[in-house]
Amino acid sequence: MMGLDIVLMVIIGANVLMSLKGFNDFSFFEKFKFNIGGIRRGEQVRMLTSGFLHADTSHLFFNMLTLYFFAPVVIGFLGNVKFLIVYIGSLIVGNLFSLFFHKDEYHYSAVGASGAVSGVIYSGILFQPDMSLYLMFIPIPIPAYIFGMGYLLFSIFGMKKRLGNIGHDAHFGGAVGGYVITLILAPWVFQENLLMTGLLAIPILILFVLQRLGKL
């Protein structure tokens, strides 16, 4: 039954418990959030723990709701253990992107499971690129691969313009993590969805070129 996989429930439970603790304990939140200065002092545990903290209840709810809907697709194809690898791997890759793009901003901080969730979304799209997604304010279904490409292109725009109080680099990095890890764990995706696999790589190549050209 959708959403009742034990690993998914444990992940959601860990996010809820750690986030609630962080809402009510400032020192706990400060100790385990993503912070460039702290990580460069050797506190690498923040690379993992920050993904289980959230800024507020709406941030937590949106991430967990999105995870709840996309995770069963990935679990259905990979199983619980490999799904966990995708989730944690995407979380860490997302934070590595943030560390790379903000390495000299010692006060830069962030929290949230968005990087991990982005990885799960992109993994799910690799497996079912033709599934239809319904988004708020858009009355027609959107093909998953179109959403995936648009999501990453918007993340690049957000990184470039520094839009809002959003970790666009972590979102992008998480999606890259989900993309790469999924293809490593399920190489048959290349054969069955070669065209879609290539299309979904386009935003990743665009980011690489922009970074090399110093445009970010």
N, C-alpha and C. Protein backbone atom coordinates (compact mmCIF):
# COMPACT_ATOMS: atom_id res chain seq x y z
N MET A 1 0.86 -1.21 0.00
CA MET A 1 0.00 0.00 0.00
C MET A 1 0.88 1.24 0.00
N MET A 2 0.55 2.24 -0.83
CA MET A 2 1.41 3.39 -1.00
C MET A 2 1.71 4.10 0.32
N GLY A 3 3.01 4.38 0.53
CA GLY A 3 3.41 5.17 1.66
C GLY A 3 3.65 4.40 2.94
N LEU A 4 3.37 3.08 2.94
CA LEU A 4 3.52 2.33 4.18
C LEU A 4 4.82 1.55 4.26
N ASP A 5 5.73 1.75 3.30
CA ASP A 5 7.03 1.10 3.35
C ASP A 5 7.77 1.54 4.60
N ILE A 6 8.38 0.58 5.29
CA ILE A 6 8.98 0.85 6.59
C ILE A 6 10.09 1.90 6.51
N VAL A 7 10.93 1.84 5.47
CA VAL A 7 12.03 2.80 5.35
C VAL A 7 11.48 4.21 5.16
N LEU A 8 10.44 4.34 4.35
CA LEU A 8 9.82 5.65 4.14
C LEU A 8 9.26 6.20 5.44
N MET A 9 8.58 5.35 6.20
CA MET A 9 8.01 5.79 7.47
C MET A 9 9.09 6.21 8.47
N VAL A 10 10.21 5.48 8.47
CA VAL A 10 11.33 5.82 9.37
C VAL A 10 11.92 7.18 8.98
N ILE A 11 12.09 7.40 7.67
CA ILE A 11 12.64 8.68 7.20
C ILE A 11 11.72 9.84 7.57
N ILE A 12 10.43 9.68 7.32
CA ILE A 12 9.48 10.74 7.67
C ILE A 12 9.47 10.96 9.17
N GLY A 13 9.49 9.87 9.94
CA GLY A 13 9.50 9.99 11.40
C GLY A 13 10.74 10.72 11.90
N ALA A 14 11.90 10.41 11.31
CA ALA A 14 13.15 11.07 11.72
C ALA A 14 13.10 12.56 11.40
N ASN A 15 12.55 12.91 10.23
CA ASN A 15 12.42 14.32 9.87
C ASN A 15 11.50 15.05 10.84
N VAL A 16 10.38 14.43 11.16
CA VAL A 16 9.42 15.07 12.06
C VAL A 16 10.02 15.26 13.46
N LEU A 17 10.63 14.20 13.99
CA LEU A 17 11.18 14.27 15.34
C LEU A 17 12.31 15.28 15.45
N MET A 18 13.26 15.24 14.50
CA MET A 18 14.38 16.18 14.56
C MET A 18 13.93 17.62 14.32
N SER A 19 12.98 17.79 13.42
CA SER A 19 12.49 19.15 13.14
C SER A 19 11.76 19.72 14.36
N LEU A 20 10.91 18.91 14.98
CA LEU A 20 10.20 19.37 16.18
C LEU A 20 11.18 19.72 17.29
N LYS A 21 12.22 18.91 17.44
CA LYS A 21 13.26 19.21 18.43
C LYS A 21 13.93 20.55 18.10
N GLY A 22 14.22 20.75 16.81
CA GLY A 22 14.86 22.00 16.39
C GLY A 22 13.97 23.21 16.57
N PHE A 23 12.65 23.04 16.37
CA PHE A 23 11.73 24.16 16.57
C PHE A 23 11.77 24.67 18.01
N ASN A 24 12.00 23.75 18.94
CA ASN A 24 11.89 24.08 20.37
C ASN A 24 13.23 24.16 21.10
N ASP A 25 14.33 23.92 20.37
CA ASP A 25 15.64 23.92 21.01
C ASP A 25 16.62 24.63 20.08
N PHE A 26 16.85 25.91 20.33
CA PHE A 26 17.68 26.73 19.46
C PHE A 26 19.11 26.19 19.35
N SER A 27 19.68 25.77 20.47
CA SER A 27 21.06 25.28 20.46
C SER A 27 21.18 24.00 19.64
N PHE A 28 20.18 23.13 19.70
CA PHE A 28 20.15 21.90 18.91
C PHE A 28 20.11 22.26 17.42
N PHE A 29 19.24 23.19 17.08
CA PHE A 29 19.09 23.63 15.69
C PHE A 29 20.41 24.20 15.17
N GLU A 30 21.03 25.06 15.97
CA GLU A 30 22.28 25.70 15.55
C GLU A 30 23.42 24.69 15.42
N LYS A 31 23.42 23.67 16.25
CA LYS A 31 24.50 22.68 16.25
C LYS A 31 24.45 21.77 15.03
N PHE A 32 23.25 21.50 14.53
CA PHE A 32 23.12 20.48 13.48
C PHE A 32 22.67 21.02 12.11
N LYS A 33 22.43 22.33 12.00
CA LYS A 33 22.07 22.89 10.71
C LYS A 33 23.28 22.92 9.78
N PHE A 34 23.03 23.06 8.46
CA PHE A 34 24.12 23.23 7.50
C PHE A 34 24.69 24.63 7.69
N ASN A 35 25.98 24.71 7.94
CA ASN A 35 26.63 26.00 8.12
C ASN A 35 28.06 25.88 7.60
N ILE A 36 28.41 26.76 6.67
CA ILE A 36 29.72 26.69 6.02
C ILE A 36 30.86 26.77 7.04
N GLY A 37 30.76 27.74 7.95
CA GLY A 37 31.82 27.90 8.95
C GLY A 37 31.99 26.65 9.80
N GLY A 38 30.87 26.08 10.26
CA GLY A 38 30.93 24.88 11.08
C GLY A 38 31.52 23.70 10.33
N ILE A 39 31.12 23.52 9.08
CA ILE A 39 31.62 22.40 8.28
C ILE A 39 33.11 22.57 8.02
N ARG A 40 33.55 23.79 7.74
CA ARG A 40 34.97 24.01 7.47
C ARG A 40 35.82 23.91 8.73
N ARG A 41 35.15 23.96 9.89
CA ARG A 41 35.86 23.71 11.16
C ARG A 41 35.97 22.21 11.45
N GLY A 42 35.36 21.40 10.61
CA GLY A 42 35.44 19.95 10.79
C GLY A 42 34.16 19.30 11.25
N GLU A 43 33.07 20.03 11.31
CA GLU A 43 31.80 19.47 11.79
C GLU A 43 31.00 18.90 10.61
N GLN A 44 31.58 17.84 9.99
CA GLN A 44 30.97 17.27 8.80
C GLN A 44 29.61 16.62 9.05
N VAL A 45 29.31 16.32 10.31
CA VAL A 45 28.02 15.70 10.62
C VAL A 45 26.85 16.58 10.16
N ARG A 46 27.10 17.88 10.07
CA ARG A 46 26.07 18.82 9.61
C ARG A 46 25.61 18.50 8.18
N MET A 47 26.49 17.90 7.38
CA MET A 47 26.15 17.55 6.00
C MET A 47 24.99 16.58 5.96
N LEU A 48 24.85 15.78 7.00
CA LEU A 48 23.76 14.81 7.08
C LEU A 48 22.59 15.32 7.93
N THR A 49 22.90 15.82 9.12
CA THR A 49 21.85 16.18 10.07
C THR A 49 20.99 17.34 9.59
N SER A 50 21.58 18.26 8.82
CA SER A 50 20.82 19.42 8.34
C SER A 50 19.64 19.01 7.47
N GLY A 51 19.75 17.83 6.84
CA GLY A 51 18.68 17.34 5.99
C GLY A 51 17.47 16.83 6.74
N PHE A 52 17.56 16.77 8.06
CA PHE A 52 16.44 16.31 8.89
C PHE A 52 15.87 17.43 9.75
N LEU A 53 16.38 18.66 9.54
CA LEU A 53 15.85 19.84 10.22
C LEU A 53 15.08 20.68 9.21
N HIS A 54 14.11 21.44 9.70
CA HIS A 54 13.34 22.32 8.81
C HIS A 54 13.12 23.67 9.48
N ALA A 55 12.85 24.67 8.63
CA ALA A 55 12.71 26.03 9.14
C ALA A 55 11.40 26.24 9.90
N ASP A 56 10.34 25.57 9.45
CA ASP A 56 9.04 25.70 10.10
C ASP A 56 8.15 24.53 9.70
N THR A 57 6.94 24.49 10.22
CA THR A 57 6.05 23.34 9.98
C THR A 57 5.63 23.24 8.51
N SER A 58 5.42 24.36 7.83
CA SER A 58 5.01 24.30 6.43
C SER A 58 6.15 23.75 5.56
N HIS A 59 7.38 24.13 5.86
CA HIS A 59 8.56 23.62 5.16
C HIS A 59 8.65 22.10 5.34
N LEU A 60 8.46 21.65 6.56
CA LEU A 60 8.48 20.22 6.88
C LEU A 60 7.35 19.49 6.17
N PHE A 61 6.15 20.03 6.25
CA PHE A 61 4.98 19.37 5.67
C PHE A 61 5.11 19.23 4.15
N PHE A 62 5.53 20.28 3.48
CA PHE A 62 5.64 20.23 2.03
C PHE A 62 6.67 19.20 1.59
N ASN A 63 7.83 19.18 2.25
CA ASN A 63 8.86 18.20 1.89
C ASN A 63 8.39 16.77 2.12
N MET A 64 7.75 16.51 3.26
CA MET A 64 7.32 15.16 3.57
C MET A 64 6.16 14.71 2.69
N LEU A 65 5.28 15.64 2.35
CA LEU A 65 4.16 15.30 1.47
C LEU A 65 4.68 14.92 0.07
N THR A 66 5.62 15.71 -0.43
CA THR A 66 6.22 15.43 -1.73
C THR A 66 6.93 14.08 -1.71
N LEU A 67 7.68 13.84 -0.64
CA LEU A 67 8.38 12.56 -0.49
C LEU A 67 7.39 11.41 -0.47
N TYR A 68 6.29 11.57 0.24
CA TYR A 68 5.28 10.53 0.39
C TYR A 68 4.70 10.10 -0.96
N PHE A 69 4.55 11.05 -1.87
CA PHE A 69 3.97 10.73 -3.18
C PHE A 69 4.99 10.16 -4.17
N PHE A 70 6.24 10.61 -4.09
CA PHE A 70 7.23 10.16 -5.06
C PHE A 70 8.00 8.91 -4.62
N ALA A 71 8.20 8.75 -3.32
CA ALA A 71 9.01 7.64 -2.82
C ALA A 71 8.50 6.26 -3.26
N PRO A 72 7.17 5.99 -3.23
CA PRO A 72 6.70 4.66 -3.63
C PRO A 72 7.10 4.25 -5.05
N VAL A 73 7.23 5.23 -5.95
CA VAL A 73 7.66 4.92 -7.32
C VAL A 73 9.07 4.35 -7.29
N VAL A 74 9.96 5.02 -6.57
CA VAL A 74 11.36 4.58 -6.49
C VAL A 74 11.47 3.26 -5.74
N ILE A 75 10.75 3.15 -4.63
CA ILE A 75 10.78 1.91 -3.85
C ILE A 75 10.26 0.74 -4.68
N GLY A 76 9.25 1.00 -5.49
CA GLY A 76 8.68 -0.05 -6.33
C GLY A 76 9.68 -0.62 -7.31
N PHE A 77 10.61 0.22 -7.79
CA PHE A 77 11.61 -0.23 -8.75
C PHE A 77 12.90 -0.71 -8.09
N LEU A 78 13.29 -0.09 -6.98
CA LEU A 78 14.59 -0.38 -6.37
C LEU A 78 14.53 -1.17 -5.08
N GLY A 79 13.40 -1.12 -4.37
CA GLY A 79 13.35 -1.74 -3.06
C GLY A 79 13.78 -0.75 -1.98
N ASN A 80 13.56 -1.11 -0.73
CA ASN A 80 13.79 -0.19 0.39
C ASN A 80 15.26 0.20 0.58
N VAL A 81 16.17 -0.78 0.50
CA VAL A 81 17.58 -0.49 0.78
C VAL A 81 18.17 0.46 -0.26
N LYS A 82 17.92 0.17 -1.54
CA LYS A 82 18.46 1.04 -2.59
C LYS A 82 17.77 2.40 -2.59
N PHE A 83 16.49 2.43 -2.21
CA PHE A 83 15.81 3.72 -2.06
C PHE A 83 16.51 4.56 -1.00
N LEU A 84 16.87 3.94 0.11
CA LEU A 84 17.58 4.65 1.17
C LEU A 84 18.91 5.21 0.67
N ILE A 85 19.59 4.44 -0.18
CA ILE A 85 20.85 4.91 -0.77
C ILE A 85 20.60 6.15 -1.63
N VAL A 86 19.52 6.12 -2.41
CA VAL A 86 19.18 7.28 -3.25
C VAL A 86 18.88 8.49 -2.37
N TYR A 87 18.11 8.28 -1.30
CA TYR A 87 17.70 9.37 -0.43
C TYR A 87 18.90 10.02 0.27
N ILE A 88 19.68 9.21 0.97
CA ILE A 88 20.83 9.74 1.72
C ILE A 88 21.89 10.28 0.77
N GLY A 89 22.12 9.56 -0.33
CA GLY A 89 23.11 10.02 -1.31
C GLY A 89 22.73 11.37 -1.89
N SER A 90 21.45 11.55 -2.22
CA SER A 90 20.99 12.82 -2.78
C SER A 90 21.10 13.95 -1.77
N LEU A 91 20.80 13.65 -0.52
CA LEU A 91 20.92 14.63 0.56
C LEU A 91 22.37 15.15 0.63
N ILE A 92 23.32 14.21 0.63
CA ILE A 92 24.73 14.59 0.77
C ILE A 92 25.23 15.31 -0.48
N VAL A 93 24.86 14.83 -1.66
CA VAL A 93 25.29 15.50 -2.89
C VAL A 93 24.72 16.91 -2.95
N GLY A 94 23.47 17.07 -2.54
CA GLY A 94 22.87 18.40 -2.49
C GLY A 94 23.66 19.34 -1.60
N ASN A 95 24.05 18.86 -0.44
CA ASN A 95 24.83 19.69 0.48
C ASN A 95 26.24 19.93 -0.03
N LEU A 96 26.79 18.98 -0.79
CA LEU A 96 28.11 19.19 -1.40
C LEU A 96 28.04 20.33 -2.43
N PHE A 97 26.94 20.39 -3.17
CA PHE A 97 26.75 21.49 -4.11
C PHE A 97 26.69 22.82 -3.35
N SER A 98 25.94 22.85 -2.25
CA SER A 98 25.86 24.07 -1.45
C SER A 98 27.23 24.47 -0.91
N LEU A 99 27.98 23.48 -0.47
CA LEU A 99 29.32 23.74 0.06
C LEU A 99 30.23 24.31 -1.03
N PHE A 100 30.10 23.77 -2.23
CA PHE A 100 30.94 24.23 -3.35
C PHE A 100 30.59 25.67 -3.74
N PHE A 101 29.30 25.97 -3.87
CA PHE A 101 28.90 27.28 -4.35
C PHE A 101 28.95 28.37 -3.27
N HIS A 102 29.03 27.98 -2.01
CA HIS A 102 29.06 28.97 -0.92
C HIS A 102 30.29 28.82 -0.03
N LYS A 103 31.33 28.17 -0.55
CA LYS A 103 32.47 27.78 0.30
C LYS A 103 33.16 28.94 1.02
N ASP A 104 33.04 30.14 0.49
CA ASP A 104 33.69 31.29 1.12
C ASP A 104 32.73 32.15 1.93
N GLU A 105 31.48 31.72 2.03
CA GLU A 105 30.47 32.46 2.80
C GLU A 105 30.29 31.76 4.14
N TYR A 106 31.14 32.12 5.10
CA TYR A 106 31.21 31.38 6.36
C TYR A 106 29.91 31.42 7.16
N HIS A 107 29.09 32.41 6.93
CA HIS A 107 27.83 32.51 7.70
C HIS A 107 26.66 31.84 6.98
N TYR A 108 26.89 31.32 5.78
CA TYR A 108 25.80 30.71 5.02
C TYR A 108 25.27 29.47 5.75
N SER A 109 23.95 29.42 5.94
CA SER A 109 23.32 28.30 6.64
C SER A 109 22.10 27.84 5.85
N ALA A 110 21.72 26.60 6.08
CA ALA A 110 20.53 26.06 5.41
C ALA A 110 20.05 24.83 6.17
N VAL A 111 18.77 24.51 6.00
CA VAL A 111 18.21 23.28 6.57
C VAL A 111 17.16 22.75 5.59
N GLY A 112 16.81 21.49 5.77
CA GLY A 112 15.71 20.93 5.01
C GLY A 112 16.07 19.69 4.22
N ALA A 113 15.05 18.89 3.94
CA ALA A 113 15.22 17.64 3.19
C ALA A 113 15.06 17.84 1.69
N SER A 114 15.02 19.09 1.26
CA SER A 114 14.72 19.38 -0.15
C SER A 114 15.69 18.73 -1.11
N GLY A 115 16.98 18.68 -0.77
CA GLY A 115 17.96 18.04 -1.63
C GLY A 115 17.67 16.56 -1.80
N ALA A 116 17.40 15.90 -0.68
CA ALA A 116 17.07 14.47 -0.71
C ALA A 116 15.78 14.22 -1.48
N VAL A 117 14.78 15.05 -1.23
CA VAL A 117 13.49 14.90 -1.91
C VAL A 117 13.64 15.16 -3.41
N SER A 118 14.47 16.14 -3.78
CA SER A 118 14.72 16.41 -5.20
C SER A 118 15.33 15.18 -5.87
N GLY A 119 16.23 14.51 -5.16
CA GLY A 119 16.84 13.30 -5.69
C GLY A 119 15.83 12.20 -5.91
N VAL A 120 14.90 12.05 -4.97
CA VAL A 120 13.85 11.04 -5.09
C VAL A 120 12.91 11.39 -6.26
N ILE A 121 12.59 12.67 -6.41
CA ILE A 121 11.75 13.11 -7.53
C ILE A 121 12.41 12.75 -8.85
N TYR A 122 13.68 13.11 -8.98
CA TYR A 122 14.38 12.86 -10.24
C TYR A 122 14.54 11.37 -10.50
N SER A 123 14.76 10.60 -9.44
CA SER A 123 14.84 9.14 -9.58
C SER A 123 13.52 8.58 -10.08
N GLY A 124 12.42 9.04 -9.48
CA GLY A 124 11.10 8.59 -9.90
C GLY A 124 10.81 8.93 -11.35
N ILE A 125 11.25 10.12 -11.78
CA ILE A 125 11.04 10.54 -13.16
C ILE A 125 11.84 9.67 -14.12
N LEU A 126 13.05 9.26 -13.74
CA LEU A 126 13.83 8.36 -14.58
C LEU A 126 13.10 7.05 -14.82
N PHE A 127 12.43 6.55 -13.79
CA PHE A 127 11.73 5.28 -13.90
C PHE A 127 10.41 5.42 -14.66
N GLN A 128 9.73 6.54 -14.44
CA GLN A 128 8.44 6.75 -15.10
C GLN A 128 8.37 8.15 -15.70
N PRO A 129 9.16 8.41 -16.76
CA PRO A 129 9.22 9.76 -17.34
C PRO A 129 7.92 10.23 -17.95
N ASP A 130 7.03 9.28 -18.27
CA ASP A 130 5.78 9.67 -18.91
C ASP A 130 4.61 9.80 -17.93
N MET A 131 4.88 9.63 -16.62
CA MET A 131 3.77 9.78 -15.68
C MET A 131 3.34 11.25 -15.64
N SER A 132 2.07 11.47 -15.36
CA SER A 132 1.53 12.82 -15.36
C SER A 132 1.53 13.41 -13.95
N LEU A 133 1.92 14.67 -13.87
CA LEU A 133 1.95 15.38 -12.59
C LEU A 133 0.97 16.54 -12.64
N TYR A 134 0.25 16.72 -11.56
CA TYR A 134 -0.68 17.86 -11.45
C TYR A 134 -0.11 18.85 -10.44
N LEU A 135 0.06 20.08 -10.86
CA LEU A 135 0.62 21.12 -10.00
C LEU A 135 -0.44 22.16 -9.68
N MET A 136 -0.29 22.78 -8.52
CA MET A 136 -1.22 23.84 -8.14
C MET A 136 -1.21 24.95 -9.18
N PHE A 137 -2.38 25.50 -9.46
CA PHE A 137 -2.58 26.62 -10.37
C PHE A 137 -2.42 26.24 -11.84
N ILE A 138 -2.09 24.97 -12.13
CA ILE A 138 -1.98 24.53 -13.53
C ILE A 138 -3.01 23.43 -13.73
N PRO A 139 -4.09 23.69 -14.49
CA PRO A 139 -5.21 22.75 -14.58
C PRO A 139 -4.99 21.52 -15.46
N ILE A 140 -3.84 21.46 -16.15
CA ILE A 140 -3.60 20.32 -17.03
C ILE A 140 -2.42 19.50 -16.53
N PRO A 141 -2.41 18.19 -16.78
CA PRO A 141 -1.29 17.35 -16.33
C PRO A 141 -0.01 17.68 -17.09
N ILE A 142 1.12 17.60 -16.40
CA ILE A 142 2.42 17.88 -17.01
C ILE A 142 3.22 16.57 -17.03
N PRO A 143 3.79 16.19 -18.18
CA PRO A 143 4.64 14.99 -18.23
C PRO A 143 5.80 15.14 -17.26
N ALA A 144 6.14 14.07 -16.56
CA ALA A 144 7.15 14.13 -15.52
C ALA A 144 8.50 14.63 -16.03
N TYR A 145 8.89 14.21 -17.24
CA TYR A 145 10.20 14.62 -17.72
C TYR A 145 10.26 16.12 -18.02
N ILE A 146 9.13 16.70 -18.43
CA ILE A 146 9.06 18.15 -18.65
C ILE A 146 9.19 18.87 -17.31
N PHE A 147 8.48 18.35 -16.31
CA PHE A 147 8.59 18.93 -14.97
C PHE A 147 10.03 18.86 -14.47
N GLY A 148 10.67 17.70 -14.64
CA GLY A 148 12.04 17.51 -14.15
C GLY A 148 13.01 18.48 -14.78
N MET A 149 12.94 18.62 -16.10
CA MET A 149 13.83 19.56 -16.78
C MET A 149 13.54 21.00 -16.36
N GLY A 150 12.26 21.35 -16.27
CA GLY A 150 11.88 22.69 -15.87
C GLY A 150 12.33 23.01 -14.45
N TYR A 151 12.21 22.02 -13.58
CA TYR A 151 12.59 22.18 -12.18
C TYR A 151 14.07 22.53 -12.06
N LEU A 152 14.92 21.82 -12.81
CA LEU A 152 16.36 22.07 -12.73
C LEU A 152 16.74 23.37 -13.43
N LEU A 153 16.08 23.68 -14.53
CA LEU A 153 16.38 24.94 -15.20
C LEU A 153 16.00 26.13 -14.32
N PHE A 154 14.87 26.00 -13.61
CA PHE A 154 14.48 27.05 -12.67
C PHE A 154 15.49 27.14 -11.52
N SER A 155 16.00 25.99 -11.08
CA SER A 155 17.00 25.99 -10.00
C SER A 155 18.26 26.72 -10.44
N ILE A 156 18.67 26.52 -11.69
CA ILE A 156 19.83 27.24 -12.21
C ILE A 156 19.56 28.74 -12.19
N PHE A 157 18.37 29.14 -12.66
CA PHE A 157 17.98 30.55 -12.65
C PHE A 157 17.98 31.10 -11.22
N GLY A 158 17.45 30.30 -10.29
CA GLY A 158 17.41 30.71 -8.90
C GLY A 158 18.80 30.87 -8.30
N MET A 159 19.71 29.97 -8.68
CA MET A 159 21.09 30.06 -8.20
C MET A 159 21.75 31.33 -8.73
N LYS A 160 21.52 31.60 -10.01
CA LYS A 160 22.15 32.75 -10.65
C LYS A 160 21.63 34.07 -10.08
N LYS A 161 20.32 34.13 -9.84
CA LYS A 161 19.69 35.37 -9.36
C LYS A 161 19.56 35.42 -7.84
N ARG A 162 19.91 34.30 -7.19
CA ARG A 162 19.76 34.19 -5.72
C ARG A 162 18.33 34.53 -5.31
N LEU A 163 17.38 33.84 -5.92
CA LEU A 163 15.97 34.10 -5.66
C LEU A 163 15.54 33.59 -4.30
N GLY A 164 14.93 34.45 -3.52
CA GLY A 164 14.31 34.05 -2.26
C GLY A 164 15.28 33.40 -1.27
N ASN A 165 14.71 32.96 -0.18
CA ASN A 165 15.49 32.29 0.86
C ASN A 165 15.43 30.78 0.63
N ILE A 166 15.89 30.37 -0.56
CA ILE A 166 15.76 28.99 -0.99
C ILE A 166 17.12 28.45 -1.42
N GLY A 167 17.45 27.23 -1.00
CA GLY A 167 18.72 26.62 -1.37
C GLY A 167 18.65 25.96 -2.74
N HIS A 168 18.61 26.78 -3.79
CA HIS A 168 18.48 26.25 -5.14
C HIS A 168 19.63 25.30 -5.48
N ASP A 169 20.83 25.59 -4.98
CA ASP A 169 21.97 24.73 -5.28
C ASP A 169 21.80 23.35 -4.67
N ALA A 170 21.24 23.29 -3.46
CA ALA A 170 21.00 22.00 -2.82
C ALA A 170 19.92 21.22 -3.58
N HIS A 171 18.89 21.93 -4.06
CA HIS A 171 17.84 21.28 -4.86
C HIS A 171 18.46 20.66 -6.11
N PHE A 172 19.29 21.47 -6.79
CA PHE A 172 19.90 21.00 -8.02
C PHE A 172 20.84 19.83 -7.73
N GLY A 173 21.69 19.99 -6.73
CA GLY A 173 22.64 18.94 -6.39
C GLY A 173 21.94 17.65 -5.98
N GLY A 174 20.84 17.78 -5.24
CA GLY A 174 20.09 16.60 -4.85
C GLY A 174 19.54 15.86 -6.05
N ALA A 175 19.01 16.62 -7.02
CA ALA A 175 18.49 16.01 -8.25
C ALA A 175 19.60 15.31 -9.02
N VAL A 176 20.77 15.94 -9.09
CA VAL A 176 21.92 15.31 -9.75
C VAL A 176 22.29 14.01 -9.04
N GLY A 177 22.29 14.07 -7.71
CA GLY A 177 22.58 12.86 -6.93
C GLY A 177 21.59 11.75 -7.23
N GLY A 178 20.30 12.09 -7.24
CA GLY A 178 19.28 11.10 -7.54
C GLY A 178 19.43 10.53 -8.94
N TYR A 179 19.77 11.38 -9.89
CA TYR A 179 19.95 10.98 -11.28
C TYR A 179 21.11 9.98 -11.40
N VAL A 180 22.27 10.37 -10.88
CA VAL A 180 23.47 9.54 -11.03
C VAL A 180 23.35 8.23 -10.25
N ILE A 181 22.91 8.32 -9.00
CA ILE A 181 22.81 7.12 -8.16
C ILE A 181 21.81 6.13 -8.74
N THR A 182 20.69 6.64 -9.25
CA THR A 182 19.69 5.76 -9.85
C THR A 182 20.25 5.02 -11.06
N LEU A 183 21.00 5.73 -11.90
CA LEU A 183 21.56 5.09 -13.09
C LEU A 183 22.65 4.08 -12.72
N ILE A 184 23.32 4.30 -11.60
CA ILE A 184 24.30 3.31 -11.12
C ILE A 184 23.60 2.06 -10.59
N LEU A 185 22.51 2.28 -9.84
CA LEU A 185 21.79 1.16 -9.24
C LEU A 185 20.89 0.44 -10.24
N ALA A 186 20.44 1.15 -11.25
CA ALA A 186 19.53 0.55 -12.25
C ALA A 186 19.98 0.92 -13.66
N PRO A 187 21.12 0.39 -14.11
CA PRO A 187 21.66 0.76 -15.43
C PRO A 187 20.75 0.41 -16.59
N TRP A 188 19.78 -0.47 -16.36
CA TRP A 188 18.85 -0.84 -17.43
C TRP A 188 17.98 0.34 -17.87
N VAL A 189 17.93 1.38 -17.04
CA VAL A 189 17.16 2.58 -17.40
C VAL A 189 17.71 3.19 -18.69
N PHE A 190 19.04 3.11 -18.87
CA PHE A 190 19.66 3.62 -20.10
C PHE A 190 19.02 2.99 -21.34
N GLN A 191 18.84 1.67 -21.30
CA GLN A 191 18.32 0.95 -22.45
C GLN A 191 16.83 1.21 -22.66
N GLU A 192 16.08 1.24 -21.58
CA GLU A 192 14.62 1.37 -21.71
C GLU A 192 14.17 2.81 -21.93
N ASN A 193 14.89 3.77 -21.37
CA ASN A 193 14.48 5.18 -21.49
C ASN A 193 15.67 6.05 -21.89
N LEU A 194 16.38 5.64 -22.95
CA LEU A 194 17.60 6.34 -23.34
C LEU A 194 17.35 7.80 -23.69
N LEU A 195 16.30 8.06 -24.48
CA LEU A 195 16.01 9.44 -24.88
C LEU A 195 15.70 10.31 -23.67
N MET A 196 14.83 9.82 -22.78
CA MET A 196 14.46 10.60 -21.59
C MET A 196 15.66 10.79 -20.66
N THR A 197 16.49 9.76 -20.57
CA THR A 197 17.69 9.87 -19.73
C THR A 197 18.58 10.98 -20.25
N GLY A 198 18.70 11.08 -21.58
CA GLY A 198 19.50 12.14 -22.18
C GLY A 198 18.89 13.51 -21.99
N LEU A 199 17.58 13.61 -22.17
CA LEU A 199 16.89 14.89 -22.00
C LEU A 199 17.05 15.41 -20.57
N LEU A 200 16.92 14.50 -19.60
CA LEU A 200 17.01 14.91 -18.20
C LEU A 200 18.43 15.35 -17.82
N ALA A 201 19.41 14.96 -18.63
CA ALA A 201 20.80 15.36 -18.36
C ALA A 201 21.10 16.76 -18.87
N ILE A 202 20.25 17.31 -19.76
CA ILE A 202 20.53 18.61 -20.37
C ILE A 202 20.73 19.72 -19.35
N PRO A 203 19.83 19.89 -18.35
CA PRO A 203 20.07 20.95 -17.36
C PRO A 203 21.38 20.76 -16.59
N ILE A 204 21.76 19.51 -16.34
CA ILE A 204 23.02 19.24 -15.63
C ILE A 204 24.20 19.73 -16.46
N LEU A 205 24.16 19.47 -17.78
CA LEU A 205 25.23 19.92 -18.66
C LEU A 205 25.26 21.45 -18.76
N ILE A 206 24.07 22.06 -18.76
CA ILE A 206 23.99 23.53 -18.80
C ILE A 206 24.65 24.14 -17.57
N LEU A 207 24.35 23.58 -16.40
CA LEU A 207 24.97 24.08 -15.17
C LEU A 207 26.49 23.93 -15.23
N PHE A 208 26.97 22.79 -15.70
CA PHE A 208 28.41 22.54 -15.79
C PHE A 208 29.08 23.58 -16.69
N VAL A 209 28.46 23.85 -17.84
CA VAL A 209 29.04 24.83 -18.78
C VAL A 209 29.03 26.23 -18.17
N LEU A 210 27.91 26.61 -17.55
CA LEU A 210 27.83 27.94 -16.93
C LEU A 210 28.87 28.11 -15.83
N GLN A 211 29.06 27.06 -15.05
CA GLN A 211 30.03 27.12 -13.95
C GLN A 211 31.44 27.27 -14.52
N ARG A 212 31.74 26.51 -15.58
CA ARG A 212 33.06 26.56 -16.18
C ARG A 212 33.33 27.94 -16.81
N LEU A 213 32.26 28.56 -17.29
CA LEU A 213 32.40 29.88 -17.91
C LEU A 213 32.36 31.01 -16.88
N GLY A 214 32.17 30.64 -15.60
CA GLY A 214 32.12 31.64 -14.55
C GLY A 214 30.86 32.46 -14.54
N LYS A 215 29.77 31.89 -15.05
CA LYS A 215 28.49 32.61 -15.13
C LYS A 215 27.60 32.40 -13.91
N LEU A 216 28.08 31.62 -12.92
CA LEU A 216 27.30 31.41 -11.71
C LEU A 216 28.03 31.98 -10.51
